[in-house]
Amino acid sequence: MKQISAKEVEAILSNGNTPNIIDVRETAEVANGKIPGAENIPLGLIEFRMQDLDKTKEYIMVCRSGARSGRASQFLESYGFNVINMSGGMLAWEGDIE
């Protein structure tokens, strides 16, 4: 499973790029703030929402600490998706939130 640090994601965003970020935390957790532009798909719904994802795109997976997003990454990877887990999750995030 590929990994990316929170700092690397911040750098991508600060360069004006808009990566595809999926936040797998529960809706109540996301209400406290998420990475700008991130789409919230709770981990329990990933299986049902994967038809909405594009296998030609790269997705950065995010959660609170990196564990749930790691599980989501492994799951999606097993179905042929190009995913990267943000290690440390939102606990490591120091950038802006929305």
N, C-alpha and C. Protein backbone atom coordinates (compact mmCIF):
# COMPACT_ATOMS: atom_id res chain seq x y z
N MET A 1 0.84 -1.18 0.00
CA MET A 1 0.00 0.00 0.00
C MET A 1 0.89 1.24 0.00
N LYS A 2 0.59 2.15 -0.91
CA LYS A 2 1.35 3.40 -1.00
C LYS A 2 0.93 4.33 0.14
N GLN A 3 1.89 5.12 0.60
CA GLN A 3 1.66 6.06 1.70
C GLN A 3 2.09 7.46 1.25
N ILE A 4 1.43 8.46 1.83
CA ILE A 4 1.81 9.85 1.62
C ILE A 4 1.67 10.55 2.97
N SER A 5 2.54 11.48 3.25
CA SER A 5 2.46 12.19 4.53
C SER A 5 1.48 13.36 4.42
N ALA A 6 1.01 13.82 5.56
CA ALA A 6 0.12 14.99 5.60
C ALA A 6 0.83 16.20 5.01
N LYS A 7 2.12 16.32 5.28
CA LYS A 7 2.90 17.45 4.75
C LYS A 7 2.95 17.41 3.23
N GLU A 8 3.09 16.21 2.66
CA GLU A 8 3.13 16.08 1.20
C GLU A 8 1.77 16.47 0.59
N VAL A 9 0.68 16.09 1.24
CA VAL A 9 -0.65 16.46 0.76
C VAL A 9 -0.83 17.97 0.85
N GLU A 10 -0.36 18.56 1.95
CA GLU A 10 -0.42 20.02 2.09
C GLU A 10 0.34 20.71 0.96
N ALA A 11 1.51 20.17 0.61
CA ALA A 11 2.32 20.75 -0.45
C ALA A 11 1.60 20.66 -1.80
N ILE A 12 0.95 19.54 -2.06
CA ILE A 12 0.18 19.38 -3.31
C ILE A 12 -0.91 20.44 -3.38
N LEU A 13 -1.63 20.62 -2.28
CA LEU A 13 -2.71 21.62 -2.25
C LEU A 13 -2.17 23.05 -2.38
N SER A 14 -1.06 23.33 -1.72
CA SER A 14 -0.52 24.69 -1.75
C SER A 14 0.04 25.05 -3.13
N ASN A 15 0.33 24.04 -3.94
CA ASN A 15 0.80 24.29 -5.30
C ASN A 15 -0.35 24.50 -6.27
N GLY A 16 -1.58 24.56 -5.73
CA GLY A 16 -2.74 24.82 -6.57
C GLY A 16 -3.35 23.59 -7.20
N ASN A 17 -2.83 22.42 -6.87
CA ASN A 17 -3.39 21.18 -7.41
C ASN A 17 -4.61 20.77 -6.61
N THR A 18 -5.48 20.02 -7.23
CA THR A 18 -6.69 19.54 -6.55
C THR A 18 -6.73 18.01 -6.61
N PRO A 19 -6.06 17.37 -5.67
CA PRO A 19 -6.07 15.90 -5.66
C PRO A 19 -7.46 15.37 -5.26
N ASN A 20 -7.71 14.12 -5.60
CA ASN A 20 -8.95 13.46 -5.21
C ASN A 20 -8.74 12.88 -3.81
N ILE A 21 -9.35 13.52 -2.81
CA ILE A 21 -9.18 13.10 -1.43
C ILE A 21 -10.50 12.53 -0.94
N ILE A 22 -10.44 11.33 -0.36
CA ILE A 22 -11.62 10.71 0.22
C ILE A 22 -11.39 10.58 1.72
N ASP A 23 -12.25 11.19 2.50
CA ASP A 23 -12.20 11.14 3.96
C ASP A 23 -13.16 10.04 4.41
N VAL A 24 -12.64 8.98 5.02
CA VAL A 24 -13.47 7.84 5.39
C VAL A 24 -13.97 7.89 6.84
N ARG A 25 -13.81 9.06 7.48
CA ARG A 25 -14.33 9.20 8.84
C ARG A 25 -15.86 9.28 8.81
N GLU A 26 -16.46 9.09 9.95
CA GLU A 26 -17.91 9.21 10.06
C GLU A 26 -18.32 10.67 9.89
N THR A 27 -19.55 10.88 9.47
CA THR A 27 -20.07 12.22 9.20
C THR A 27 -19.89 13.17 10.38
N ALA A 28 -20.13 12.68 11.59
CA ALA A 28 -19.99 13.51 12.79
C ALA A 28 -18.54 13.97 12.98
N GLU A 29 -17.58 13.11 12.64
CA GLU A 29 -16.17 13.48 12.77
C GLU A 29 -15.80 14.55 11.73
N VAL A 30 -16.31 14.38 10.52
CA VAL A 30 -16.01 15.32 9.44
C VAL A 30 -16.62 16.69 9.72
N ALA A 31 -17.71 16.72 10.47
CA ALA A 31 -18.36 17.99 10.81
C ALA A 31 -17.42 18.92 11.57
N ASN A 32 -16.40 18.35 12.22
CA ASN A 32 -15.42 19.15 12.96
C ASN A 32 -14.33 19.72 12.05
N GLY A 33 -14.38 19.38 10.78
CA GLY A 33 -13.41 19.89 9.83
C GLY A 33 -12.79 18.80 8.99
N LYS A 34 -12.57 19.13 7.70
CA LYS A 34 -11.93 18.19 6.79
C LYS A 34 -10.99 18.97 5.88
N ILE A 35 -10.16 18.25 5.18
CA ILE A 35 -9.25 18.86 4.22
C ILE A 35 -10.10 19.50 3.11
N PRO A 36 -9.82 20.74 2.75
CA PRO A 36 -10.61 21.40 1.70
C PRO A 36 -10.69 20.55 0.43
N GLY A 37 -11.91 20.36 -0.04
CA GLY A 37 -12.13 19.59 -1.27
C GLY A 37 -12.29 18.10 -1.07
N ALA A 38 -12.05 17.62 0.14
CA ALA A 38 -12.17 16.17 0.39
C ALA A 38 -13.63 15.74 0.34
N GLU A 39 -13.85 14.55 -0.20
CA GLU A 39 -15.19 13.98 -0.25
C GLU A 39 -15.34 13.00 0.91
N ASN A 40 -16.42 13.09 1.64
CA ASN A 40 -16.65 12.19 2.77
C ASN A 40 -17.42 10.96 2.32
N ILE A 41 -16.75 9.81 2.43
CA ILE A 41 -17.40 8.51 2.23
C ILE A 41 -16.99 7.66 3.43
N PRO A 42 -17.87 7.55 4.45
CA PRO A 42 -17.50 6.76 5.63
C PRO A 42 -17.05 5.34 5.26
N LEU A 43 -16.11 4.82 6.00
CA LEU A 43 -15.52 3.52 5.72
C LEU A 43 -16.58 2.44 5.46
N GLY A 44 -17.63 2.44 6.25
CA GLY A 44 -18.68 1.43 6.10
C GLY A 44 -19.45 1.52 4.80
N LEU A 45 -19.31 2.64 4.09
CA LEU A 45 -20.03 2.83 2.83
C LEU A 45 -19.14 2.71 1.59
N ILE A 46 -17.84 2.52 1.79
CA ILE A 46 -16.89 2.45 0.66
C ILE A 46 -17.33 1.39 -0.35
N GLU A 47 -17.68 0.21 0.13
CA GLU A 47 -18.06 -0.88 -0.76
C GLU A 47 -19.24 -0.49 -1.65
N PHE A 48 -20.18 0.26 -1.08
CA PHE A 48 -21.39 0.62 -1.81
C PHE A 48 -21.20 1.84 -2.71
N ARG A 49 -20.15 2.63 -2.44
CA ARG A 49 -19.92 3.85 -3.21
C ARG A 49 -18.80 3.70 -4.23
N MET A 50 -18.14 2.54 -4.28
CA MET A 50 -16.99 2.44 -5.18
C MET A 50 -17.39 2.54 -6.65
N GLN A 51 -18.67 2.31 -6.99
CA GLN A 51 -19.10 2.49 -8.38
C GLN A 51 -19.07 3.96 -8.77
N ASP A 52 -19.02 4.86 -7.78
CA ASP A 52 -18.93 6.30 -8.04
C ASP A 52 -17.49 6.76 -8.27
N LEU A 53 -16.53 5.87 -8.05
CA LEU A 53 -15.12 6.22 -8.19
C LEU A 53 -14.60 5.80 -9.56
N ASP A 54 -13.56 6.47 -10.01
CA ASP A 54 -12.99 6.26 -11.34
C ASP A 54 -11.63 5.57 -11.19
N LYS A 55 -11.49 4.38 -11.78
CA LYS A 55 -10.23 3.63 -11.67
C LYS A 55 -9.07 4.30 -12.39
N THR A 56 -9.35 5.30 -13.24
CA THR A 56 -8.27 5.99 -13.94
C THR A 56 -7.69 7.13 -13.09
N LYS A 57 -8.34 7.45 -11.97
CA LYS A 57 -7.87 8.53 -11.10
C LYS A 57 -7.13 7.98 -9.89
N GLU A 58 -6.32 8.85 -9.28
CA GLU A 58 -5.62 8.50 -8.05
C GLU A 58 -6.39 9.13 -6.88
N TYR A 59 -6.56 8.36 -5.82
CA TYR A 59 -7.29 8.84 -4.64
C TYR A 59 -6.38 8.82 -3.42
N ILE A 60 -6.44 9.89 -2.64
CA ILE A 60 -5.73 9.95 -1.36
C ILE A 60 -6.77 9.67 -0.29
N MET A 61 -6.54 8.66 0.52
CA MET A 61 -7.48 8.24 1.56
C MET A 61 -7.06 8.83 2.90
N VAL A 62 -8.04 9.37 3.64
CA VAL A 62 -7.77 10.06 4.90
C VAL A 62 -8.76 9.59 5.97
N CYS A 63 -8.29 9.49 7.21
CA CYS A 63 -9.18 9.27 8.36
C CYS A 63 -8.59 10.04 9.54
N ARG A 64 -8.91 9.65 10.75
CA ARG A 64 -8.41 10.35 11.92
C ARG A 64 -6.92 10.08 12.14
N SER A 65 -6.54 8.78 12.11
CA SER A 65 -5.15 8.44 12.44
C SER A 65 -4.40 7.71 11.32
N GLY A 66 -5.11 7.26 10.31
CA GLY A 66 -4.47 6.53 9.22
C GLY A 66 -4.84 5.05 9.18
N ALA A 67 -5.50 4.55 10.23
CA ALA A 67 -5.84 3.12 10.29
C ALA A 67 -7.04 2.79 9.39
N ARG A 68 -8.14 3.51 9.56
CA ARG A 68 -9.33 3.24 8.73
C ARG A 68 -9.05 3.52 7.26
N SER A 69 -8.33 4.61 6.99
CA SER A 69 -8.02 4.91 5.59
C SER A 69 -7.10 3.84 5.01
N GLY A 70 -6.27 3.24 5.86
CA GLY A 70 -5.42 2.13 5.41
C GLY A 70 -6.26 0.92 5.01
N ARG A 71 -7.29 0.63 5.80
CA ARG A 71 -8.20 -0.48 5.46
C ARG A 71 -8.95 -0.17 4.18
N ALA A 72 -9.42 1.08 4.05
CA ALA A 72 -10.12 1.49 2.82
C ALA A 72 -9.19 1.39 1.62
N SER A 73 -7.94 1.79 1.80
CA SER A 73 -6.97 1.73 0.71
C SER A 73 -6.75 0.29 0.26
N GLN A 74 -6.55 -0.61 1.21
CA GLN A 74 -6.35 -2.02 0.87
C GLN A 74 -7.56 -2.59 0.15
N PHE A 75 -8.75 -2.25 0.63
CA PHE A 75 -9.99 -2.74 0.02
C PHE A 75 -10.10 -2.26 -1.43
N LEU A 76 -9.94 -0.94 -1.63
CA LEU A 76 -10.08 -0.40 -2.98
C LEU A 76 -8.97 -0.89 -3.91
N GLU A 77 -7.76 -1.03 -3.36
CA GLU A 77 -6.64 -1.55 -4.13
C GLU A 77 -6.95 -2.96 -4.65
N SER A 78 -7.62 -3.75 -3.83
CA SER A 78 -7.95 -5.13 -4.23
C SER A 78 -8.95 -5.15 -5.39
N TYR A 79 -9.63 -4.03 -5.63
CA TYR A 79 -10.56 -3.91 -6.75
C TYR A 79 -9.96 -3.12 -7.92
N GLY A 80 -8.67 -2.87 -7.85
CA GLY A 80 -7.97 -2.23 -8.96
C GLY A 80 -7.92 -0.72 -8.94
N PHE A 81 -8.25 -0.10 -7.81
CA PHE A 81 -8.19 1.36 -7.71
C PHE A 81 -6.78 1.81 -7.35
N ASN A 82 -6.42 3.01 -7.79
CA ASN A 82 -5.12 3.61 -7.51
C ASN A 82 -5.28 4.50 -6.28
N VAL A 83 -4.85 4.01 -5.13
CA VAL A 83 -5.06 4.73 -3.88
C VAL A 83 -3.77 4.90 -3.09
N ILE A 84 -3.73 5.98 -2.32
CA ILE A 84 -2.59 6.27 -1.45
C ILE A 84 -3.16 6.61 -0.07
N ASN A 85 -2.62 6.01 0.96
CA ASN A 85 -3.06 6.27 2.32
C ASN A 85 -2.27 7.45 2.91
N MET A 86 -2.99 8.43 3.48
CA MET A 86 -2.31 9.53 4.16
C MET A 86 -1.96 9.08 5.57
N SER A 87 -0.68 8.82 5.79
CA SER A 87 -0.23 8.32 7.09
C SER A 87 -0.41 9.39 8.17
N GLY A 88 -0.84 8.96 9.33
CA GLY A 88 -1.05 9.87 10.45
C GLY A 88 -2.42 10.51 10.46
N GLY A 89 -3.11 10.46 9.33
CA GLY A 89 -4.47 10.97 9.24
C GLY A 89 -4.60 12.45 9.64
N MET A 90 -5.81 12.80 10.05
CA MET A 90 -6.07 14.19 10.43
C MET A 90 -5.31 14.60 11.69
N LEU A 91 -4.88 13.64 12.48
CA LEU A 91 -4.05 13.98 13.66
C LEU A 91 -2.74 14.62 13.23
N ALA A 92 -2.26 14.27 12.03
CA ALA A 92 -1.00 14.82 11.52
C ALA A 92 -1.22 16.05 10.64
N TRP A 93 -2.48 16.36 10.34
CA TRP A 93 -2.79 17.47 9.43
C TRP A 93 -2.62 18.81 10.13
N GLU A 94 -1.84 19.70 9.52
CA GLU A 94 -1.62 21.03 10.07
C GLU A 94 -2.13 22.12 9.13
N GLY A 95 -2.67 21.72 7.99
CA GLY A 95 -3.14 22.69 7.00
C GLY A 95 -4.54 23.19 7.31
N ASP A 96 -5.08 23.92 6.35
CA ASP A 96 -6.44 24.47 6.50
C ASP A 96 -7.46 23.34 6.52
N ILE A 97 -8.58 23.64 7.17
CA ILE A 97 -9.72 22.72 7.15
C ILE A 97 -10.97 23.50 6.79
N GLU A 98 -11.96 22.78 6.30
CA GLU A 98 -13.24 23.42 5.99
C GLU A 98 -14.35 22.70 6.71
